[in-house]
Amino acid sequence: MSLVSAKDYRSLLEIIDIVYSVQDRATMMYAMWEKLEKLIGISSAVWLPMDSQTRQFQFKDHLRYRAPIKPVFLFTVYYDLPPNSWTPG
């Protein structure tokens, strides 16, 4: 018994191909989100990078796919850690 149909499997392979073949991060993310929307019905998505050293969100580098800016900003403000409040390890 297969849990993934042949059509869905091809769609997953197309997403993997996008990830490996598209060099520009923003272009890759938008293309991936479009495929995921068709495959699983996502209606919006956000890419919100975080600095690995400070653990601070990099709001200026965010990407949005059909997501309003206000909830993204509020998420950033609510979940962002104060500087120097996190130590690795």
PDB file of N, CA and C in Angstrom:
ATOM      1  N   MET A   1       0.846  -1.191   0.000  1.00  0.00           N
ATOM      2  CA  MET A   1       0.000   0.000   0.000  1.00  0.00           C
ATOM      3  C   MET A   1       0.887   1.249   0.000  1.00  0.00           C
ATOM      4  N   SER A   2       0.670   2.128  -0.953  1.00  0.00           N
ATOM      5  CA  SER A   2       1.449   3.349  -1.071  1.00  0.00           C
ATOM      6  C   SER A   2       0.736   4.489  -0.337  1.00  0.00           C
ATOM      7  N   LEU A   3       1.497   5.216   0.462  1.00  0.00           N
ATOM      8  CA  LEU A   3       0.925   6.357   1.181  1.00  0.00           C
ATOM      9  C   LEU A   3       0.938   7.628   0.345  1.00  0.00           C
ATOM     10  N   VAL A   4       1.760   7.637  -0.701  1.00  0.00           N
ATOM     11  CA  VAL A   4       1.876   8.808  -1.566  1.00  0.00           C
ATOM     12  C   VAL A   4       1.537   8.376  -2.990  1.00  0.00           C
ATOM     13  N   SER A   5       0.636   9.112  -3.608  1.00  0.00           N
ATOM     14  CA  SER A   5       0.271   8.782  -4.988  1.00  0.00           C
ATOM     15  C   SER A   5       1.426   9.138  -5.922  1.00  0.00           C
ATOM     16  N   ALA A   6       1.393   8.577  -7.113  1.00  0.00           N
ATOM     17  CA  ALA A   6       2.430   8.871  -8.107  1.00  0.00           C
ATOM     18  C   ALA A   6       2.451  10.364  -8.441  1.00  0.00           C
ATOM     19  N   LYS A   7       1.276  10.961  -8.523  1.00  0.00           N
ATOM     20  CA  LYS A   7       1.185  12.399  -8.824  1.00  0.00           C
ATOM     21  C   LYS A   7       1.819  13.225  -7.693  1.00  0.00           C
ATOM     22  N   ASP A   8       1.501  12.875  -6.436  1.00  0.00           N
ATOM     23  CA  ASP A   8       2.084  13.597  -5.296  1.00  0.00           C
ATOM     24  C   ASP A   8       3.590  13.380  -5.217  1.00  0.00           C
ATOM     25  N   TYR A   9       4.031  12.173  -5.526  1.00  0.00           N
ATOM     26  CA  TYR A   9       5.458  11.868  -5.520  1.00  0.00           C
ATOM     27  C   TYR A   9       6.179  12.730  -6.553  1.00  0.00           C
ATOM     28  N   ARG A  10       5.604  12.868  -7.746  1.00  0.00           N
ATOM     29  CA  ARG A  10       6.191  13.737  -8.772  1.00  0.00           C
ATOM     30  C   ARG A  10       6.231  15.183  -8.289  1.00  0.00           C
ATOM     31  N   SER A  11       5.188  15.625  -7.601  1.00  0.00           N
ATOM     32  CA  SER A  11       5.158  16.995  -7.075  1.00  0.00           C
ATOM     33  C   SER A  11       6.265  17.201  -6.045  1.00  0.00           C
ATOM     34  N   LEU A  12       6.469  16.203  -5.186  1.00  0.00           N
ATOM     35  CA  LEU A  12       7.549  16.297  -4.199  1.00  0.00           C
ATOM     36  C   LEU A  12       8.918  16.359  -4.876  1.00  0.00           C
ATOM     37  N   LEU A  13       9.097  15.563  -5.916  1.00  0.00           N
ATOM     38  CA  LEU A  13      10.357  15.610  -6.656  1.00  0.00           C
ATOM     39  C   LEU A  13      10.557  16.974  -7.325  1.00  0.00           C
ATOM     40  N   GLU A  14       9.474  17.585  -7.799  1.00  0.00           N
ATOM     41  CA  GLU A  14       9.564  18.926  -8.386  1.00  0.00           C
ATOM     42  C   GLU A  14       9.991  19.946  -7.337  1.00  0.00           C
ATOM     43  N   ILE A  15       9.472  19.835  -6.122  1.00  0.00           N
ATOM     44  CA  ILE A  15       9.861  20.752  -5.044  1.00  0.00           C
ATOM     45  C   ILE A  15      11.346  20.564  -4.712  1.00  0.00           C
ATOM     46  N   ILE A  16      11.774  19.321  -4.611  1.00  0.00           N
ATOM     47  CA  ILE A  16      13.190  19.051  -4.329  1.00  0.00           C
ATOM     48  C   ILE A  16      14.060  19.620  -5.447  1.00  0.00           C
ATOM     49  N   ASP A  17      13.618  19.473  -6.686  1.00  0.00           N
ATOM     50  CA  ASP A  17      14.363  20.025  -7.820  1.00  0.00           C
ATOM     51  C   ASP A  17      14.464  21.542  -7.717  1.00  0.00           C
ATOM     52  N   ILE A  18      13.391  22.197  -7.305  1.00  0.00           N
ATOM     53  CA  ILE A  18      13.415  23.654  -7.128  1.00  0.00           C
ATOM     54  C   ILE A  18      14.458  24.033  -6.083  1.00  0.00           C
ATOM     55  N   VAL A  19      14.460  23.335  -4.960  1.00  0.00           N
ATOM     56  CA  VAL A  19      15.388  23.648  -3.872  1.00  0.00           C
ATOM     57  C   VAL A  19      16.837  23.540  -4.338  1.00  0.00           C
ATOM     58  N   TYR A  20      17.143  22.527  -5.122  1.00  0.00           N
ATOM     59  CA  TYR A  20      18.518  22.317  -5.562  1.00  0.00           C
ATOM     60  C   TYR A  20      18.921  23.123  -6.794  1.00  0.00           C
ATOM     61  N   SER A  21      17.969  23.522  -7.620  1.00  0.00           N
ATOM     62  CA  SER A  21      18.332  24.148  -8.885  1.00  0.00           C
ATOM     63  C   SER A  21      18.239  25.671  -8.896  1.00  0.00           C
ATOM     64  N   VAL A  22      17.439  26.261  -8.042  1.00  0.00           N
ATOM     65  CA  VAL A  22      17.270  27.716  -8.052  1.00  0.00           C
ATOM     66  C   VAL A  22      18.283  28.335  -7.086  1.00  0.00           C
ATOM     67  N   GLN A  23      19.149  29.178  -7.615  1.00  0.00           N
ATOM     68  CA  GLN A  23      20.237  29.742  -6.814  1.00  0.00           C
ATOM     69  C   GLN A  23      19.791  30.895  -5.903  1.00  0.00           C
ATOM     70  N   ASP A  24      18.885  31.715  -6.377  1.00  0.00           N
ATOM     71  CA  ASP A  24      18.424  32.858  -5.589  1.00  0.00           C
ATOM     72  C   ASP A  24      17.418  32.389  -4.535  1.00  0.00           C
ATOM     73  N   ARG A  25      17.702  32.697  -3.261  1.00  0.00           N
ATOM     74  CA  ARG A  25      16.869  32.211  -2.163  1.00  0.00           C
ATOM     75  C   ARG A  25      15.418  32.677  -2.280  1.00  0.00           C
ATOM     76  N   ALA A  26      15.207  33.941  -2.561  1.00  0.00           N
ATOM     77  CA  ALA A  26      13.831  34.460  -2.639  1.00  0.00           C
ATOM     78  C   ALA A  26      13.060  33.780  -3.768  1.00  0.00           C
ATOM     79  N   THR A  27      13.671  33.663  -4.934  1.00  0.00           N
ATOM     80  CA  THR A  27      13.017  33.007  -6.066  1.00  0.00           C
ATOM     81  C   THR A  27      12.695  31.557  -5.728  1.00  0.00           C
ATOM     82  N   MET A  28      13.635  30.875  -5.072  1.00  0.00           N
ATOM     83  CA  MET A  28      13.432  29.484  -4.689  1.00  0.00           C
ATOM     84  C   MET A  28      12.276  29.352  -3.709  1.00  0.00           C
ATOM     85  N   MET A  29      12.224  30.215  -2.704  1.00  0.00           N
ATOM     86  CA  MET A  29      11.165  30.132  -1.704  1.00  0.00           C
ATOM     87  C   MET A  29       9.794  30.362  -2.330  1.00  0.00           C
ATOM     88  N   TYR A  30       9.674  31.385  -3.194  1.00  0.00           N
ATOM     89  CA  TYR A  30       8.376  31.661  -3.817  1.00  0.00           C
ATOM     90  C   TYR A  30       7.945  30.505  -4.720  1.00  0.00           C
ATOM     91  N   ALA A  31       8.880  29.940  -5.483  1.00  0.00           N
ATOM     92  CA  ALA A  31       8.544  28.806  -6.352  1.00  0.00           C
ATOM     93  C   ALA A  31       8.128  27.595  -5.521  1.00  0.00           C
ATOM     94  N   MET A  32       8.831  27.361  -4.406  1.00  0.00           N
ATOM     95  CA  MET A  32       8.498  26.240  -3.522  1.00  0.00           C
ATOM     96  C   MET A  32       7.115  26.451  -2.891  1.00  0.00           C
ATOM     97  N   TRP A  33       6.845  27.670  -2.436  1.00  0.00           N
ATOM     98  CA  TRP A  33       5.544  27.953  -1.824  1.00  0.00           C
ATOM     99  C   TRP A  33       4.402  27.764  -2.817  1.00  0.00           C
ATOM    100  N   GLU A  34       4.614  28.164  -4.070  1.00  0.00           N
ATOM    101  CA  GLU A  34       3.572  27.967  -5.086  1.00  0.00           C
ATOM    102  C   GLU A  34       3.279  26.484  -5.282  1.00  0.00           C
ATOM    103  N   LYS A  35       4.325  25.670  -5.335  1.00  0.00           N
ATOM    104  CA  LYS A  35       4.133  24.219  -5.479  1.00  0.00           C
ATOM    105  C   LYS A  35       3.433  23.643  -4.255  1.00  0.00           C
ATOM    106  N   LEU A  36       3.840  24.062  -3.063  1.00  0.00           N
ATOM    107  CA  LEU A  36       3.221  23.559  -1.831  1.00  0.00           C
ATOM    108  C   LEU A  36       1.760  23.978  -1.734  1.00  0.00           C
ATOM    109  N   GLU A  37       1.448  25.156  -2.245  1.00  0.00           N
ATOM    110  CA  GLU A  37       0.057  25.598  -2.236  1.00  0.00           C
ATOM    111  C   GLU A  37      -0.812  24.642  -3.047  1.00  0.00           C
ATOM    112  N   LYS A  38      -0.316  24.236  -4.203  1.00  0.00           N
ATOM    113  CA  LYS A  38      -1.059  23.301  -5.044  1.00  0.00           C
ATOM    114  C   LYS A  38      -1.098  21.903  -4.439  1.00  0.00           C
ATOM    115  N   LEU A  39      -0.015  21.498  -3.791  1.00  0.00           N
ATOM    116  CA  LEU A  39       0.096  20.143  -3.269  1.00  0.00           C
ATOM    117  C   LEU A  39      -0.682  19.948  -1.974  1.00  0.00           C
ATOM    118  N   ILE A  40      -0.526  20.873  -1.019  1.00  0.00           N
ATOM    119  CA  ILE A  40      -1.162  20.680   0.295  1.00  0.00           C
ATOM    120  C   ILE A  40      -2.086  21.814   0.708  1.00  0.00           C
ATOM    121  N   GLY A  41      -2.230  22.818  -0.154  1.00  0.00           N
ATOM    122  CA  GLY A  41      -3.206  23.857   0.116  1.00  0.00           C
ATOM    123  C   GLY A  41      -2.787  24.938   1.098  1.00  0.00           C
ATOM    124  N   ILE A  42      -1.484  25.206   1.225  1.00  0.00           N
ATOM    125  CA  ILE A  42      -1.094  26.313   2.106  1.00  0.00           C
ATOM    126  C   ILE A  42      -1.628  27.608   1.507  1.00  0.00           C
ATOM    127  N   SER A  43      -2.025  28.530   2.337  1.00  0.00           N
ATOM    128  CA  SER A  43      -2.550  29.792   1.813  1.00  0.00           C
ATOM    129  C   SER A  43      -1.582  30.949   2.020  1.00  0.00           C
ATOM    130  N   SER A  44      -0.620  30.780   2.931  1.00  0.00           N
ATOM    131  CA  SER A  44       0.387  31.820   3.148  1.00  0.00           C
ATOM    132  C   SER A  44       1.595  31.194   3.828  1.00  0.00           C
ATOM    133  N   ALA A  45       2.720  31.904   3.738  1.00  0.00           N
ATOM    134  CA  ALA A  45       3.949  31.416   4.357  1.00  0.00           C
ATOM    135  C   ALA A  45       4.878  32.597   4.617  1.00  0.00           C
ATOM    136  N   VAL A  46       5.811  32.394   5.557  1.00  0.00           N
ATOM    137  CA  VAL A  46       6.783  33.434   5.889  1.00  0.00           C
ATOM    138  C   VAL A  46       8.145  32.781   6.102  1.00  0.00           C
ATOM    139  N   TRP A  47       9.177  33.413   5.582  1.00  0.00           N
ATOM    140  CA  TRP A  47      10.568  33.043   5.853  1.00  0.00           C
ATOM    141  C   TRP A  47      11.125  34.174   6.705  1.00  0.00           C
ATOM    142  N   LEU A  48      11.476  33.869   7.945  1.00  0.00           N
ATOM    143  CA  LEU A  48      11.968  34.880   8.877  1.00  0.00           C
ATOM    144  C   LEU A  48      13.300  34.399   9.444  1.00  0.00           C
ATOM    145  N   PRO A  49      14.405  34.806   8.828  1.00  0.00           N
ATOM    146  CA  PRO A  49      15.708  34.333   9.282  1.00  0.00           C
ATOM    147  C   PRO A  49      16.042  34.808  10.696  1.00  0.00           C
ATOM    148  N   MET A  50      16.918  34.042  11.345  1.00  0.00           N
ATOM    149  CA  MET A  50      17.365  34.379  12.698  1.00  0.00           C
ATOM    150  C   MET A  50      18.889  34.354  12.714  1.00  0.00           C
ATOM    151  N   ASP A  51      19.492  35.335  13.335  1.00  0.00           N
ATOM    152  CA  ASP A  51      20.940  35.370  13.487  1.00  0.00           C
ATOM    153  C   ASP A  51      21.371  34.230  14.408  1.00  0.00           C
ATOM    154  N   SER A  52      22.297  33.408  13.965  1.00  0.00           N
ATOM    155  CA  SER A  52      22.691  32.230  14.744  1.00  0.00           C
ATOM    156  C   SER A  52      23.460  32.575  16.009  1.00  0.00           C
ATOM    157  N   GLN A  53      24.063  33.735  16.045  1.00  0.00           N
ATOM    158  CA  GLN A  53      24.824  34.138  17.232  1.00  0.00           C
ATOM    159  C   GLN A  53      23.952  34.833  18.272  1.00  0.00           C
ATOM    160  N   THR A  54      23.166  35.804  17.828  1.00  0.00           N
ATOM    161  CA  THR A  54      22.365  36.601  18.767  1.00  0.00           C
ATOM    162  C   THR A  54      20.969  36.032  18.993  1.00  0.00           C
ATOM    163  N   ARG A  55      20.550  35.131  18.117  1.00  0.00           N
ATOM    164  CA  ARG A  55      19.197  34.557  18.146  1.00  0.00           C
ATOM    165  C   ARG A  55      18.124  35.624  17.938  1.00  0.00           C
ATOM    166  N   GLN A  56      18.474  36.702  17.267  1.00  0.00           N
ATOM    167  CA  GLN A  56      17.533  37.771  16.941  1.00  0.00           C
ATOM    168  C   GLN A  56      16.992  37.546  15.536  1.00  0.00           C
ATOM    169  N   PHE A  57      15.680  37.753  15.350  1.00  0.00           N
ATOM    170  CA  PHE A  57      15.096  37.665  14.020  1.00  0.00           C
ATOM    171  C   PHE A  57      15.676  38.761  13.136  1.00  0.00           C
ATOM    172  N   GLN A  58      15.873  38.448  11.882  1.00  0.00           N
ATOM    173  CA  GLN A  58      16.373  39.407  10.900  1.00  0.00           C
ATOM    174  C   GLN A  58      15.187  39.864  10.051  1.00  0.00           C
ATOM    175  N   PHE A  59      14.354  40.713  10.638  1.00  0.00           N
ATOM    176  CA  PHE A  59      13.106  41.116   9.999  1.00  0.00           C
ATOM    177  C   PHE A  59      13.333  41.741   8.630  1.00  0.00           C
ATOM    178  N   LYS A  60      14.429  42.471   8.477  1.00  0.00           N
ATOM    179  CA  LYS A  60      14.690  43.132   7.192  1.00  0.00           C
ATOM    180  C   LYS A  60      14.899  42.137   6.056  1.00  0.00           C
ATOM    181  N   ASP A  61      15.254  40.894   6.372  1.00  0.00           N
ATOM    182  CA  ASP A  61      15.509  39.876   5.360  1.00  0.00           C
ATOM    183  C   ASP A  61      14.335  38.910   5.163  1.00  0.00           C
ATOM    184  N   HIS A  62      13.187  39.206   5.738  1.00  0.00           N
ATOM    185  CA  HIS A  62      12.066  38.269   5.672  1.00  0.00           C
ATOM    186  C   HIS A  62      11.478  38.194   4.254  1.00  0.00           C
ATOM    187  N   LEU A  63      10.792  37.082   3.987  1.00  0.00           N
ATOM    188  CA  LEU A  63      10.042  36.897   2.747  1.00  0.00           C
ATOM    189  C   LEU A  63       8.620  36.512   3.128  1.00  0.00           C
ATOM    190  N   ARG A  64       7.655  37.027   2.385  1.00  0.00           N
ATOM    191  CA  ARG A  64       6.253  36.697   2.663  1.00  0.00           C
ATOM    192  C   ARG A  64       5.583  36.195   1.401  1.00  0.00           C
ATOM    193  N   TYR A  65       4.734  35.200   1.570  1.00  0.00           N
ATOM    194  CA  TYR A  65       3.917  34.681   0.481  1.00  0.00           C
ATOM    195  C   TYR A  65       2.464  34.787   0.920  1.00  0.00           C
ATOM    196  N   ARG A  66       1.789  35.815   0.416  1.00  0.00           N
ATOM    197  CA  ARG A  66       0.376  36.047   0.743  1.00  0.00           C
ATOM    198  C   ARG A  66       0.135  36.143   2.249  1.00  0.00           C
ATOM    199  N   ALA A  67       1.067  36.729   2.948  1.00  0.00           N
ATOM    200  CA  ALA A  67       0.932  36.908   4.399  1.00  0.00           C
ATOM    201  C   ALA A  67       0.983  38.407   4.696  1.00  0.00           C
ATOM    202  N   PRO A  68       0.021  38.915   5.457  1.00  0.00           N
ATOM    203  CA  PRO A  68       0.034  40.334   5.798  1.00  0.00           C
ATOM    204  C   PRO A  68       1.254  40.671   6.661  1.00  0.00           C
ATOM    205  N   ILE A  69       1.751  41.871   6.506  1.00  0.00           N
ATOM    206  CA  ILE A  69       2.961  42.281   7.211  1.00  0.00           C
ATOM    207  C   ILE A  69       2.744  42.436   8.718  1.00  0.00           C
ATOM    208  N   LYS A  70       1.575  42.907   9.145  1.00  0.00           N
ATOM    209  CA  LYS A  70       1.358  43.176  10.565  1.00  0.00           C
ATOM    210  C   LYS A  70       1.519  41.922  11.438  1.00  0.00           C
ATOM    211  N   PRO A  71       0.897  40.776  11.115  1.00  0.00           N
ATOM    212  CA  PRO A  71       1.109  39.591  11.956  1.00  0.00           C
ATOM    213  C   PRO A  71       2.567  39.120  11.966  1.00  0.00           C
ATOM    214  N   VAL A  72       3.265  39.286  10.843  1.00  0.00           N
ATOM    215  CA  VAL A  72       4.687  38.914  10.799  1.00  0.00           C
ATOM    216  C   VAL A  72       5.475  39.794  11.762  1.00  0.00           C
ATOM    217  N   PHE A  73       5.220  41.078  11.724  1.00  0.00           N
ATOM    218  CA  PHE A  73       5.904  42.009  12.622  1.00  0.00           C
ATOM    219  C   PHE A  73       5.564  41.694  14.079  1.00  0.00           C
ATOM    220  N   LEU A  74       4.285  41.470  14.383  1.00  0.00           N
ATOM    221  CA  LEU A  74       3.891  41.162  15.760  1.00  0.00           C
ATOM    222  C   LEU A  74       4.523  39.865  16.257  1.00  0.00           C
ATOM    223  N   PHE A  75       4.613  38.852  15.394  1.00  0.00           N
ATOM    224  CA  PHE A  75       5.292  37.600  15.750  1.00  0.00           C
ATOM    225  C   PHE A  75       6.745  37.890  16.106  1.00  0.00           C
ATOM    226  N   THR A  76       7.391  38.702  15.270  1.00  0.00           N
ATOM    227  CA  THR A  76       8.795  39.045  15.504  1.00  0.00           C
ATOM    228  C   THR A  76       8.977  39.745  16.838  1.00  0.00           C
ATOM    229  N   VAL A  77       8.141  40.704  17.120  1.00  0.00           N
ATOM    230  CA  VAL A  77       8.249  41.456  18.369  1.00  0.00           C
ATOM    231  C   VAL A  77       7.972  40.564  19.577  1.00  0.00           C
ATOM    232  N   TYR A  78       6.960  39.719  19.485  1.00  0.00           N
ATOM    233  CA  TYR A  78       6.567  38.874  20.608  1.00  0.00           C
ATOM    234  C   TYR A  78       7.612  37.807  20.925  1.00  0.00           C
ATOM    235  N   TYR A  79       8.146  37.155  19.882  1.00  0.00           N
ATOM    236  CA  TYR A  79       9.029  36.019  20.103  1.00  0.00           C
ATOM    237  C   TYR A  79      10.521  36.352  20.069  1.00  0.00           C
ATOM    238  N   ASP A  80      10.871  37.553  19.704  1.00  0.00           N
ATOM    239  CA  ASP A  80      12.280  37.916  19.648  1.00  0.00           C
ATOM    240  C   ASP A  80      12.860  37.982  21.061  1.00  0.00           C
ATOM    241  N   LEU A  81      14.030  37.398  21.229  1.00  0.00           N
ATOM    242  CA  LEU A  81      14.694  37.412  22.532  1.00  0.00           C
ATOM    243  C   LEU A  81      15.436  38.719  22.730  1.00  0.00           C
ATOM    244  N   PRO A  82      15.496  39.211  23.962  1.00  0.00           N
ATOM    245  CA  PRO A  82      16.308  40.395  24.223  1.00  0.00           C
ATOM    246  C   PRO A  82      17.778  40.093  23.927  1.00  0.00           C
ATOM    247  N   PRO A  83      18.547  41.081  23.496  1.00  0.00           N
ATOM    248  CA  PRO A  83      19.964  40.846  23.227  1.00  0.00           C
ATOM    249  C   PRO A  83      20.672  40.241  24.441  1.00  0.00           C
ATOM    250  N   ASN A  84      21.559  39.305  24.184  1.00  0.00           N
ATOM    251  CA  ASN A  84      22.386  38.647  25.208  1.00  0.00           C
ATOM    252  C   ASN A  84      21.601  37.812  26.203  1.00  0.00           C
ATOM    253  N   SER A  85      20.365  37.444  25.892  1.00  0.00           N
ATOM    254  CA  SER A  85      19.581  36.640  26.838  1.00  0.00           C
ATOM    255  C   SER A  85      19.726  35.142  26.553  1.00  0.00           C
ATOM    256  N   TRP A  86      20.395  34.797  25.460  1.00  0.00           N
ATOM    257  CA  TRP A  86      20.526  33.396  25.088  1.00  0.00           C
ATOM    258  C   TRP A  86      22.001  33.066  24.961  1.00  0.00           C
ATOM    259  N   THR A  87      22.409  31.945  25.495  1.00  0.00           N
ATOM    260  CA  THR A  87      23.796  31.508  25.336  1.00  0.00           C
ATOM    261  C   THR A  87      23.815  30.148  24.677  1.00  0.00           C
ATOM    262  N   PRO A  88      24.679  29.968  23.695  1.00  0.00           N
ATOM    263  CA  PRO A  88      24.728  28.680  22.993  1.00  0.00           C
ATOM    264  C   PRO A  88      25.192  27.556  23.923  1.00  0.00           C
ATOM    265  N   GLY A  89      24.737  26.360  23.602  1.00  0.00           N
ATOM    266  CA  GLY A  89      25.287  25.229  24.306  1.00  0.00           C
ATOM    267  C   GLY A  89      24.387  24.483  25.145  1.00  0.00           C
TER     268      GLY A  89
END
